[in-house]
C-alpha atoms as a PDB file:
ATOM      1  CA  MET A   1       0.000   0.000   0.000  1.00  0.00           C
ATOM      2  CA  THR A   2       1.299   3.424  -0.934  1.00  0.00           C
ATOM      3  CA  SER A   3       1.689   6.269   1.529  1.00  0.00           C
ATOM      4  CA  PHE A   4      -1.295   7.960  -0.135  1.00  0.00           C
ATOM      5  CA  GLY A   5      -3.404   4.831   0.388  1.00  0.00           C
ATOM      6  CA  ARG A   6      -2.362   4.534   4.017  1.00  0.00           C
ATOM      7  CA  SER A   7      -3.121   8.210   4.604  1.00  0.00           C
ATOM      8  CA  LYS A   8      -6.564   7.823   3.029  1.00  0.00           C
ATOM      9  CA  SER A   9      -7.299   4.735   5.135  1.00  0.00           C
ATOM     10  CA  LEU A  10      -6.266   6.516   8.326  1.00  0.00           C
ATOM     11  CA  LYS A  11      -8.387   9.507   7.406  1.00  0.00           C
ATOM     12  CA  THR A  12     -11.390   7.244   6.796  1.00  0.00           C
ATOM     13  CA  ALA A  13     -10.845   5.462  10.101  1.00  0.00           C
ATOM     14  CA  ASP A  14     -10.579   8.780  11.937  1.00  0.00           C
ATOM     15  CA  THR A  15     -13.805   9.963  10.313  1.00  0.00           C
ATOM     16  CA  MET A  16     -15.657   6.774  11.280  1.00  0.00           C
ATOM     17  CA  TYR A  17     -14.334   7.008  14.840  1.00  0.00           C
ATOM     18  CA  ALA A  18     -15.429  10.643  15.074  1.00  0.00           C
ATOM     19  CA  LYS A  19     -18.928   9.752  13.842  1.00  0.00           C
ATOM     20  CA  LEU A  20     -19.173   6.848  16.293  1.00  0.00           C
ATOM     21  CA  THR A  21     -18.042   9.071  19.144  1.00  0.00           C
ATOM     22  CA  ALA A  22     -20.604  11.709  18.175  1.00  0.00           C
ATOM     23  CA  VAL A  23     -23.420   9.146  18.086  1.00  0.00           C
ATOM     24  CA  ILE A  24     -22.493   7.655  21.461  1.00  0.00           C
ATOM     25  CA  THR A  25     -22.185  11.130  22.976  1.00  0.00           C
ATOM     26  CA  ALA A  26     -25.584  12.092  21.556  1.00  0.00           C
ATOM     27  CA  ALA A  27     -27.226   8.937  22.907  1.00  0.00           C
ATOM     28  CA  VAL A  28     -25.728   9.390  26.362  1.00  0.00           C
ATOM     29  CA  GLY A  29     -26.660  13.077  26.310  1.00  0.00           C
ATOM     30  CA  VAL A  30     -30.296  12.340  25.472  1.00  0.00           C
ATOM     31  CA  VAL A  31     -30.560   9.752  28.258  1.00  0.00           C
ATOM     32  CA  VAL A  32     -28.925  12.032  30.844  1.00  0.00           C
ATOM     33  CA  MET A  33     -31.110  14.955  29.812  1.00  0.00           C
ATOM     34  CA  MET A  34     -34.327  12.940  29.944  1.00  0.00           C
ATOM     35  CA  PHE A  35     -33.630  11.328  33.305  1.00  0.00           C
ATOM     36  CA  THR A  36     -32.566  14.706  34.746  1.00  0.00           C
ATOM     37  CA  LEU A  37     -35.715  16.313  33.379  1.00  0.00           C
ATOM     38  CA  PHE A  38     -37.970  13.613  34.763  1.00  0.00           C
ATOM     39  CA  ASN A  39     -36.178  13.707  38.092  1.00  0.00           C
ATOM     40  CA  SER A  40     -37.109  17.377  38.392  1.00  0.00           C
ATOM     41  CA  VAL A  41     -40.629  17.053  36.948  1.00  0.00           C
ATOM     42  CA  LEU A  42     -41.559  13.984  39.009  1.00  0.00           C
ATOM     43  CA  ARG A  43     -39.683  14.964  42.149  1.00  0.00           C
ATOM     44  CA  ASP A  44     -42.862  16.077  43.917  1.00  0.00           C
ATOM     45  CA  LEU A  45     -44.798  13.047  42.697  1.00  0.00           C
ATOM     46  CA  MET A  46     -42.256  10.258  42.962  1.00  0.00           C
ATOM     47  CA  PRO A  47     -41.646   9.229  46.577  1.00  0.00           C
ATOM     48  CA  ASP A  48     -38.277   7.926  47.695  1.00  0.00           C
ATOM     49  CA  VAL A  49     -38.843   4.203  47.226  1.00  0.00           C
ATOM     50  CA  GLU A  50     -36.523   1.273  47.725  1.00  0.00           C
ATOM     51  CA  GLY A  51     -34.672   0.095  44.616  1.00  0.00           C
ATOM     52  CA  ALA A  52     -35.611   3.076  42.450  1.00  0.00           C
ATOM     53  CA  ALA A  53     -32.051   4.381  42.006  1.00  0.00           C
ATOM     54  CA  GLN A  54     -30.639   0.992  40.977  1.00  0.00           C
ATOM     55  CA  THR A  55     -33.464   0.377  38.504  1.00  0.00           C
ATOM     56  CA  VAL A  56     -33.130   3.813  36.920  1.00  0.00           C
ATOM     57  CA  ASN A  57     -29.368   3.345  36.511  1.00  0.00           C
ATOM     58  CA  PHE A  58     -29.906  -0.022  34.836  1.00  0.00           C
ATOM     59  CA  VAL A  59     -32.576   1.388  32.514  1.00  0.00           C
ATOM     60  CA  SER A  60     -30.272   4.301  31.644  1.00  0.00           C
ATOM     61  CA  PHE A  61     -27.597   1.867  30.452  1.00  0.00           C
ATOM     62  CA  GLY A  62     -30.125  -0.201  28.539  1.00  0.00           C
ATOM     63  CA  THR A  63     -31.589   2.899  26.911  1.00  0.00           C
ATOM     64  CA  VAL A  64     -28.180   3.917  25.553  1.00  0.00           C
ATOM     65  CA  ILE A  65     -27.803   0.470  23.949  1.00  0.00           C
ATOM     66  CA  VAL A  66     -31.264   0.706  22.364  1.00  0.00           C
ATOM     67  CA  LEU A  67     -30.540   4.180  21.003  1.00  0.00           C
ATOM     68  CA  LEU A  68     -27.254   3.031  19.469  1.00  0.00           C
ATOM     69  CA  ALA A  69     -29.061   0.112  17.828  1.00  0.00           C
ATOM     70  CA  LEU A  70     -31.652   2.523  16.408  1.00  0.00           C
ATOM     71  CA  THR A  71     -28.829   4.622  14.977  1.00  0.00           C
ATOM     72  CA  LEU A  72     -27.742   1.635  12.883  1.00  0.00           C
ATOM     73  CA  LEU A  73     -31.247   1.364  11.462  1.00  0.00           C
ATOM     74  CA  ILE A  74     -31.436   5.060  10.549  1.00  0.00           C
ATOM     75  CA  ARG A  75     -27.862   5.505   9.325  1.00  0.00           C
ATOM     76  CA  LYS A  76     -28.764   5.198   5.640  1.00  0.00           C
ATOM     77  CA  ARG A  77     -30.451   7.708   3.370  1.00  0.00           C
ATOM     78  CA  LEU A  78     -34.144   8.049   4.206  1.00  0.00           C
ATOM     79  CA  SER A  79     -36.805   7.981   1.527  1.00  0.00           C
ATOM     80  CA  LYS A  80     -40.037   9.903   1.919  1.00  0.00           C
ATOM     81  CA  ILE A  81     -41.741   6.755   3.167  1.00  0.00           C
ATOM     82  CA  GLY A  82     -38.844   6.110   5.542  1.00  0.00           C
ATOM     83  CA  GLN A  83     -39.195   9.603   7.006  1.00  0.00           C
ATOM     84  CA  TYR A  84     -42.896   9.047   7.627  1.00  0.00           C
ATOM     85  CA  VAL A  85     -42.246   5.618   9.153  1.00  0.00           C
ATOM     86  CA  TRP A  86     -39.677   6.912  11.646  1.00  0.00           C
ATOM     87  CA  ALA A  87     -41.838   9.927  12.451  1.00  0.00           C
ATOM     88  CA  LEU A  88     -44.677   7.495  13.202  1.00  0.00           C
ATOM     89  CA  VAL A  89     -42.336   5.406  15.390  1.00  0.00           C
ATOM     90  CA  ALA A  90     -41.366   8.506  17.404  1.00  0.00           C
ATOM     91  CA  ILE A  91     -45.014   9.567  17.774  1.00  0.00           C
ATOM     92  CA  THR A  92     -45.951   6.051  18.884  1.00  0.00           C
ATOM     93  CA  PHE A  93     -43.271   6.039  21.598  1.00  0.00           C
ATOM     94  CA  LEU A  94     -44.421   9.487  22.708  1.00  0.00           C
ATOM     95  CA  ALA A  95     -48.088   8.435  22.818  1.00  0.00           C
ATOM     96  CA  VAL A  96     -47.269   5.356  24.902  1.00  0.00           C
ATOM     97  CA  ALA A  97     -45.180   7.535  27.235  1.00  0.00           C
ATOM     98  CA  VAL A  98     -48.097   9.961  27.717  1.00  0.00           C
ATOM     99  CA  ILE A  99     -50.535   7.112  28.435  1.00  0.00           C
ATOM    100  CA  THR A 100     -48.047   5.596  30.883  1.00  0.00           C
ATOM    101  CA  TYR A 101     -47.592   8.972  32.575  1.00  0.00           C
ATOM    102  CA  PHE A 102     -51.347   9.346  33.176  1.00  0.00           C
ATOM    103  CA  SER A 103     -51.480   5.813  34.580  1.00  0.00           C
ATOM    104  CA  PHE A 104     -48.544   6.726  36.805  1.00  0.00           C
ATOM    105  CA  GLY A 105     -50.473   9.790  37.997  1.00  0.00           C
ATOM    106  CA  ASP A 106     -53.440   7.591  38.938  1.00  0.00           C
ATOM    107  CA  LEU A 107     -51.115   5.382  40.974  1.00  0.00           C
ATOM    108  CA  VAL A 108     -49.680   8.438  42.723  1.00  0.00           C
ATOM    109  CA  ARG A 109     -53.106   9.773  43.671  1.00  0.00           C
ATOM    110  CA  LYS A 110     -54.107   6.372  45.000  1.00  0.00           C
ATOM    111  CA  HIS A 111     -51.015   5.323  46.945  1.00  0.00           C
ATOM    112  CA  VAL A 112     -48.974   8.429  47.843  1.00  0.00           C
ATOM    113  CA  TYR A 113     -49.701  10.474  50.945  1.00  0.00           C
ATOM    114  CA  LEU A 114     -47.958  13.502  52.431  1.00  0.00           C
ATOM    115  CA  TYR A 115     -46.601  12.979  55.927  1.00  0.00           C
ATOM    116  CA  PRO A 116     -46.938  14.405  58.521  1.00  0.00           C
ATOM    117  CA  PRO A 117     -50.526  15.529  57.942  1.00  0.00           C
ATOM    118  CA  ALA A 118     -50.906  19.272  57.600  1.00  0.00           C
ATOM    119  CA  THR A 119     -53.590  19.405  60.275  1.00  0.00           C
ATOM    120  CA  GLY A 120     -51.512  17.541  62.850  1.00  0.00           C
ATOM    121  CA  ALA A 121     -48.157  19.283  62.402  1.00  0.00           C
ATOM    122  CA  PRO A 122     -48.523  22.694  60.767  1.00  0.00           C
ATOM    123  CA  GLY A 123     -45.262  24.202  59.584  1.00  0.00           C
ATOM    124  CA  LEU A 124     -43.379  20.916  59.257  1.00  0.00           C
ATOM    125  CA  GLU A 125     -42.081  19.827  55.853  1.00  0.00           C
ATOM    126  CA  GLN A 126     -44.208  17.080  54.343  1.00  0.00           C
ATOM    127  CA  ARG A 127     -42.690  14.094  52.535  1.00  0.00           C
ATOM    128  CA  PRO A 128     -44.409  11.935  49.903  1.00  0.00           C
ATOM    129  CA  LEU A 129     -44.629   8.354  51.185  1.00  0.00           C
ATOM    130  CA  VAL A 130     -46.050   5.160  49.720  1.00  0.00           C
ATOM    131  CA  SER A 131     -49.023   3.381  51.195  1.00  0.00           C
ATOM    132  CA  GLY A 132     -50.343  -0.056  50.436  1.00  0.00           C
ATOM    133  CA  PRO A 133     -53.972  -1.035  49.913  1.00  0.00           C
ATOM    134  CA  TYR A 134     -55.757  -1.374  53.255  1.00  0.00           C
ATOM    135  CA  HIS A 135     -56.316  -4.858  54.577  1.00  0.00           C
ATOM    136  CA  GLU A 136     -59.645  -5.546  56.272  1.00  0.00           C
ATOM    137  CA  ARG A 137     -58.513  -4.538  59.758  1.00  0.00           C
ATOM    138  CA  GLY A 138     -56.722  -1.508  58.379  1.00  0.00           C
ATOM    139  CA  ARG A 139     -59.875  -0.366  56.584  1.00  0.00           C
ATOM    140  CA  GLU A 140     -61.760  -0.544  59.875  1.00  0.00           C
ATOM    141  CA  LYS A 141     -59.060   1.315  61.800  1.00  0.00           C
ATOM    142  CA  ALA A 142     -58.748   4.094  59.212  1.00  0.00           C
ATOM    143  CA  ALA A 143     -62.484   4.626  58.778  1.00  0.00           C
ATOM    144  CA  ASN A 144     -63.366   8.307  58.203  1.00  0.00           C
ATOM    145  CA  MET A 145     -59.642   9.295  58.113  1.00  0.00           C
ATOM    146  CA  ASP A 146     -57.277  10.101  55.295  1.00  0.00           C
ATOM    147  CA  VAL A 147     -54.145   7.981  55.009  1.00  0.00           C
ATOM    148  CA  ALA A 148     -51.765  10.534  56.559  1.00  0.00           C
ATOM    149  CA  THR A 149     -54.007  11.048  59.578  1.00  0.00           C
ATOM    150  CA  ALA A 150     -54.419   7.299  60.085  1.00  0.00           C
ATOM    151  CA  VAL A 151     -50.668   6.697  59.861  1.00  0.00           C
ATOM    152  CA  SER A 152     -50.020   9.500  62.339  1.00  0.00           C
ATOM    153  CA  LYS A 153     -52.633   8.157  64.753  1.00  0.00           C
ATOM    154  CA  PHE A 154     -51.143   4.667  64.809  1.00  0.00           C
ATOM    155  CA  GLY A 155     -47.534   5.676  65.459  1.00  0.00           C
ATOM    156  CA  GLY A 156     -46.072   6.960  62.178  1.00  0.00           C
ATOM    157  CA  PRO A 157     -44.783   5.326  58.979  1.00  0.00           C
ATOM    158  CA  ALA A 158     -42.129   3.139  60.608  1.00  0.00           C
ATOM    159  CA  VAL A 159     -44.570   1.616  63.102  1.00  0.00           C
ATOM    160  CA  VAL A 160     -47.413   1.222  60.613  1.00  0.00           C
ATOM    161  CA  ASN A 161     -45.183  -0.397  57.972  1.00  0.00           C
ATOM    162  CA  GLY A 162     -43.185  -2.495  60.431  1.00  0.00           C
ATOM    163  CA  HIS A 163     -46.202  -3.916  62.267  1.00  0.00           C
ATOM    164  CA  GLN A 164     -48.441  -3.988  59.172  1.00  0.00           C
ATOM    165  CA  LEU A 165     -51.185  -2.133  61.027  1.00  0.00           C
ATOM    166  CA  LEU A 166     -52.982  -0.770  57.954  1.00  0.00           C
ATOM    167  CA  TRP A 167     -51.602  -2.812  55.051  1.00  0.00           C
ATOM    168  CA  THR A 168     -49.339  -5.813  54.580  1.00  0.00           C
ATOM    169  CA  ALA A 169     -45.657  -5.498  53.750  1.00  0.00           C
ATOM    170  CA  GLU A 170     -46.199  -7.573  50.606  1.00  0.00           C
ATOM    171  CA  SER A 171     -48.984  -5.340  49.256  1.00  0.00           C
ATOM    172  CA  ARG A 172     -46.902  -2.217  49.874  1.00  0.00           C
ATOM    173  CA  SER A 173     -43.890  -3.806  48.156  1.00  0.00           C
ATOM    174  CA  ASP A 174     -46.089  -4.494  45.116  1.00  0.00           C
ATOM    175  CA  VAL A 175     -47.021  -0.805  44.966  1.00  0.00           C
ATOM    176  CA  VAL A 176     -43.362   0.241  45.305  1.00  0.00           C
ATOM    177  CA  GLY A 177     -42.474  -2.085  42.433  1.00  0.00           C
ATOM    178  CA  LYS A 178     -45.140  -0.493  40.253  1.00  0.00           C
ATOM    179  CA  PHE A 179     -43.741   2.968  40.978  1.00  0.00           C
ATOM    180  CA  VAL A 180     -40.235   1.923  39.952  1.00  0.00           C
ATOM    181  CA  ARG A 181     -41.437   0.266  36.738  1.00  0.00           C
ATOM    182  CA  TYR A 182     -43.616   3.211  35.751  1.00  0.00           C
ATOM    183  CA  TYR A 183     -40.854   5.727  36.374  1.00  0.00           C
ATOM    184  CA  ALA A 184     -38.305   3.769  34.350  1.00  0.00           C
ATOM    185  CA  ALA A 185     -40.779   3.103  31.512  1.00  0.00           C
ATOM    186  CA  ILE A 186     -41.752   6.767  31.122  1.00  0.00           C
ATOM    187  CA  ALA A 187     -38.146   7.923  30.969  1.00  0.00           C
ATOM    188  CA  PHE A 188     -37.185   5.158  28.526  1.00  0.00           C
ATOM    189  CA  LEU A 189     -40.106   5.849  26.190  1.00  0.00           C
ATOM    190  CA  MET A 190     -39.542   9.613  26.191  1.00  0.00           C
ATOM    191  CA  ALA A 191     -35.798   9.266  25.591  1.00  0.00           C
ATOM    192  CA  THR A 192     -36.357   6.836  22.729  1.00  0.00           C
ATOM    193  CA  ALA A 193     -39.025   9.034  21.113  1.00  0.00           C
ATOM    194  CA  LEU A 194     -36.767  12.088  21.280  1.00  0.00           C
ATOM    195  CA  PHE A 195     -33.723  10.246  19.938  1.00  0.00           C
ATOM    196  CA  VAL A 196     -35.611   8.605  17.043  1.00  0.00           C
ATOM    197  CA  ALA A 197     -37.073  11.950  15.985  1.00  0.00           C
ATOM    198  CA  ALA A 198     -33.723  13.737  16.325  1.00  0.00           C
ATOM    199  CA  ILE A 199     -31.772  11.120  14.340  1.00  0.00           C
ATOM    200  CA  ALA A 200     -34.422  10.980  11.587  1.00  0.00           C
ATOM    201  CA  VAL A 201     -34.454  14.778  11.242  1.00  0.00           C
ATOM    202  CA  TRP A 202     -30.639  14.931  11.266  1.00  0.00           C
ATOM    203  CA  ARG A 203     -30.399  12.196   8.613  1.00  0.00           C
ATOM    204  CA  THR A 204     -32.950  13.952   6.402  1.00  0.00           C
ATOM    205  CA  LEU A 205     -31.302  17.366   6.686  1.00  0.00           C
ATOM    206  CA  ARG A 206     -27.902  15.841   5.982  1.00  0.00           C
ATOM    207  CA  ASP A 207     -29.216  14.207   2.811  1.00  0.00           C
ATOM    208  CA  ARG A 208     -30.562  17.552   1.647  1.00  0.00           C
ATOM    209  CA  VAL A 209     -27.215  19.238   2.268  1.00  0.00           C
ATOM    210  CA  ASP A 210     -25.388  16.462   0.395  1.00  0.00           C
ATOM    211  CA  ASN A 211     -27.783  16.765  -2.533  1.00  0.00           C
ATOM    212  CA  ALA A 212     -27.332  20.516  -2.630  1.00  0.00           C
ATOM    213  CA  LYS A 213     -23.532  20.115  -2.831  1.00  0.00           C
ATOM    214  CA  ARG A 214     -23.688  17.785  -5.820  1.00  0.00           C
ATOM    215  CA  PRO A 215     -23.317  19.317  -9.290  1.00  0.00           C
ATOM    216  CA  GLY A 216     -26.741  20.294 -10.545  1.00  0.00           C
ATOM    217  CA  GLY A 217     -28.224  19.532  -7.086  1.00  0.00           C
END
């Protein structure tokens, strides 16, 4: 191989490496941005539940892999039909994310309470905590009381959860698991929708620029 050939090969390799680095950086950036955004948006809704941090970290890593795989599918020139297909894919991910978010909101309204209750401890900072569905005895004990008031009356969250006074530990763990899965699913779907749309738009605009540079383009 001549020196010119070696130089051309090195230049090509450097270009491919630069493109790969840019794609990986973009994928990581989208994931970090989305999880940071959702952490701020859902901070008041999402209680501090066990296992949430580990699950979110795992989903973050998995999302990066999915986004890189999608990049391979959209790396080629997009036809008009291809543009519409990928736009539909992005919209589908977004629609599923919105539906999941509303379902998540229903779960929050049903199983998150602010403690201590405002009526019992005015001026104290309230924290969002997770409740389980009442068992039969718990339903009788908490009759005519909201969840926060009932928990306060029977000794506080640690006592109520530890002695299973209002709900069982298993039923509460099921609710916590739902919270973690919903949170991870929303962030994954939103990140994927954003990345698919961004890559498709970038690929389309790049094709237009390349066509414009060609003679007679």
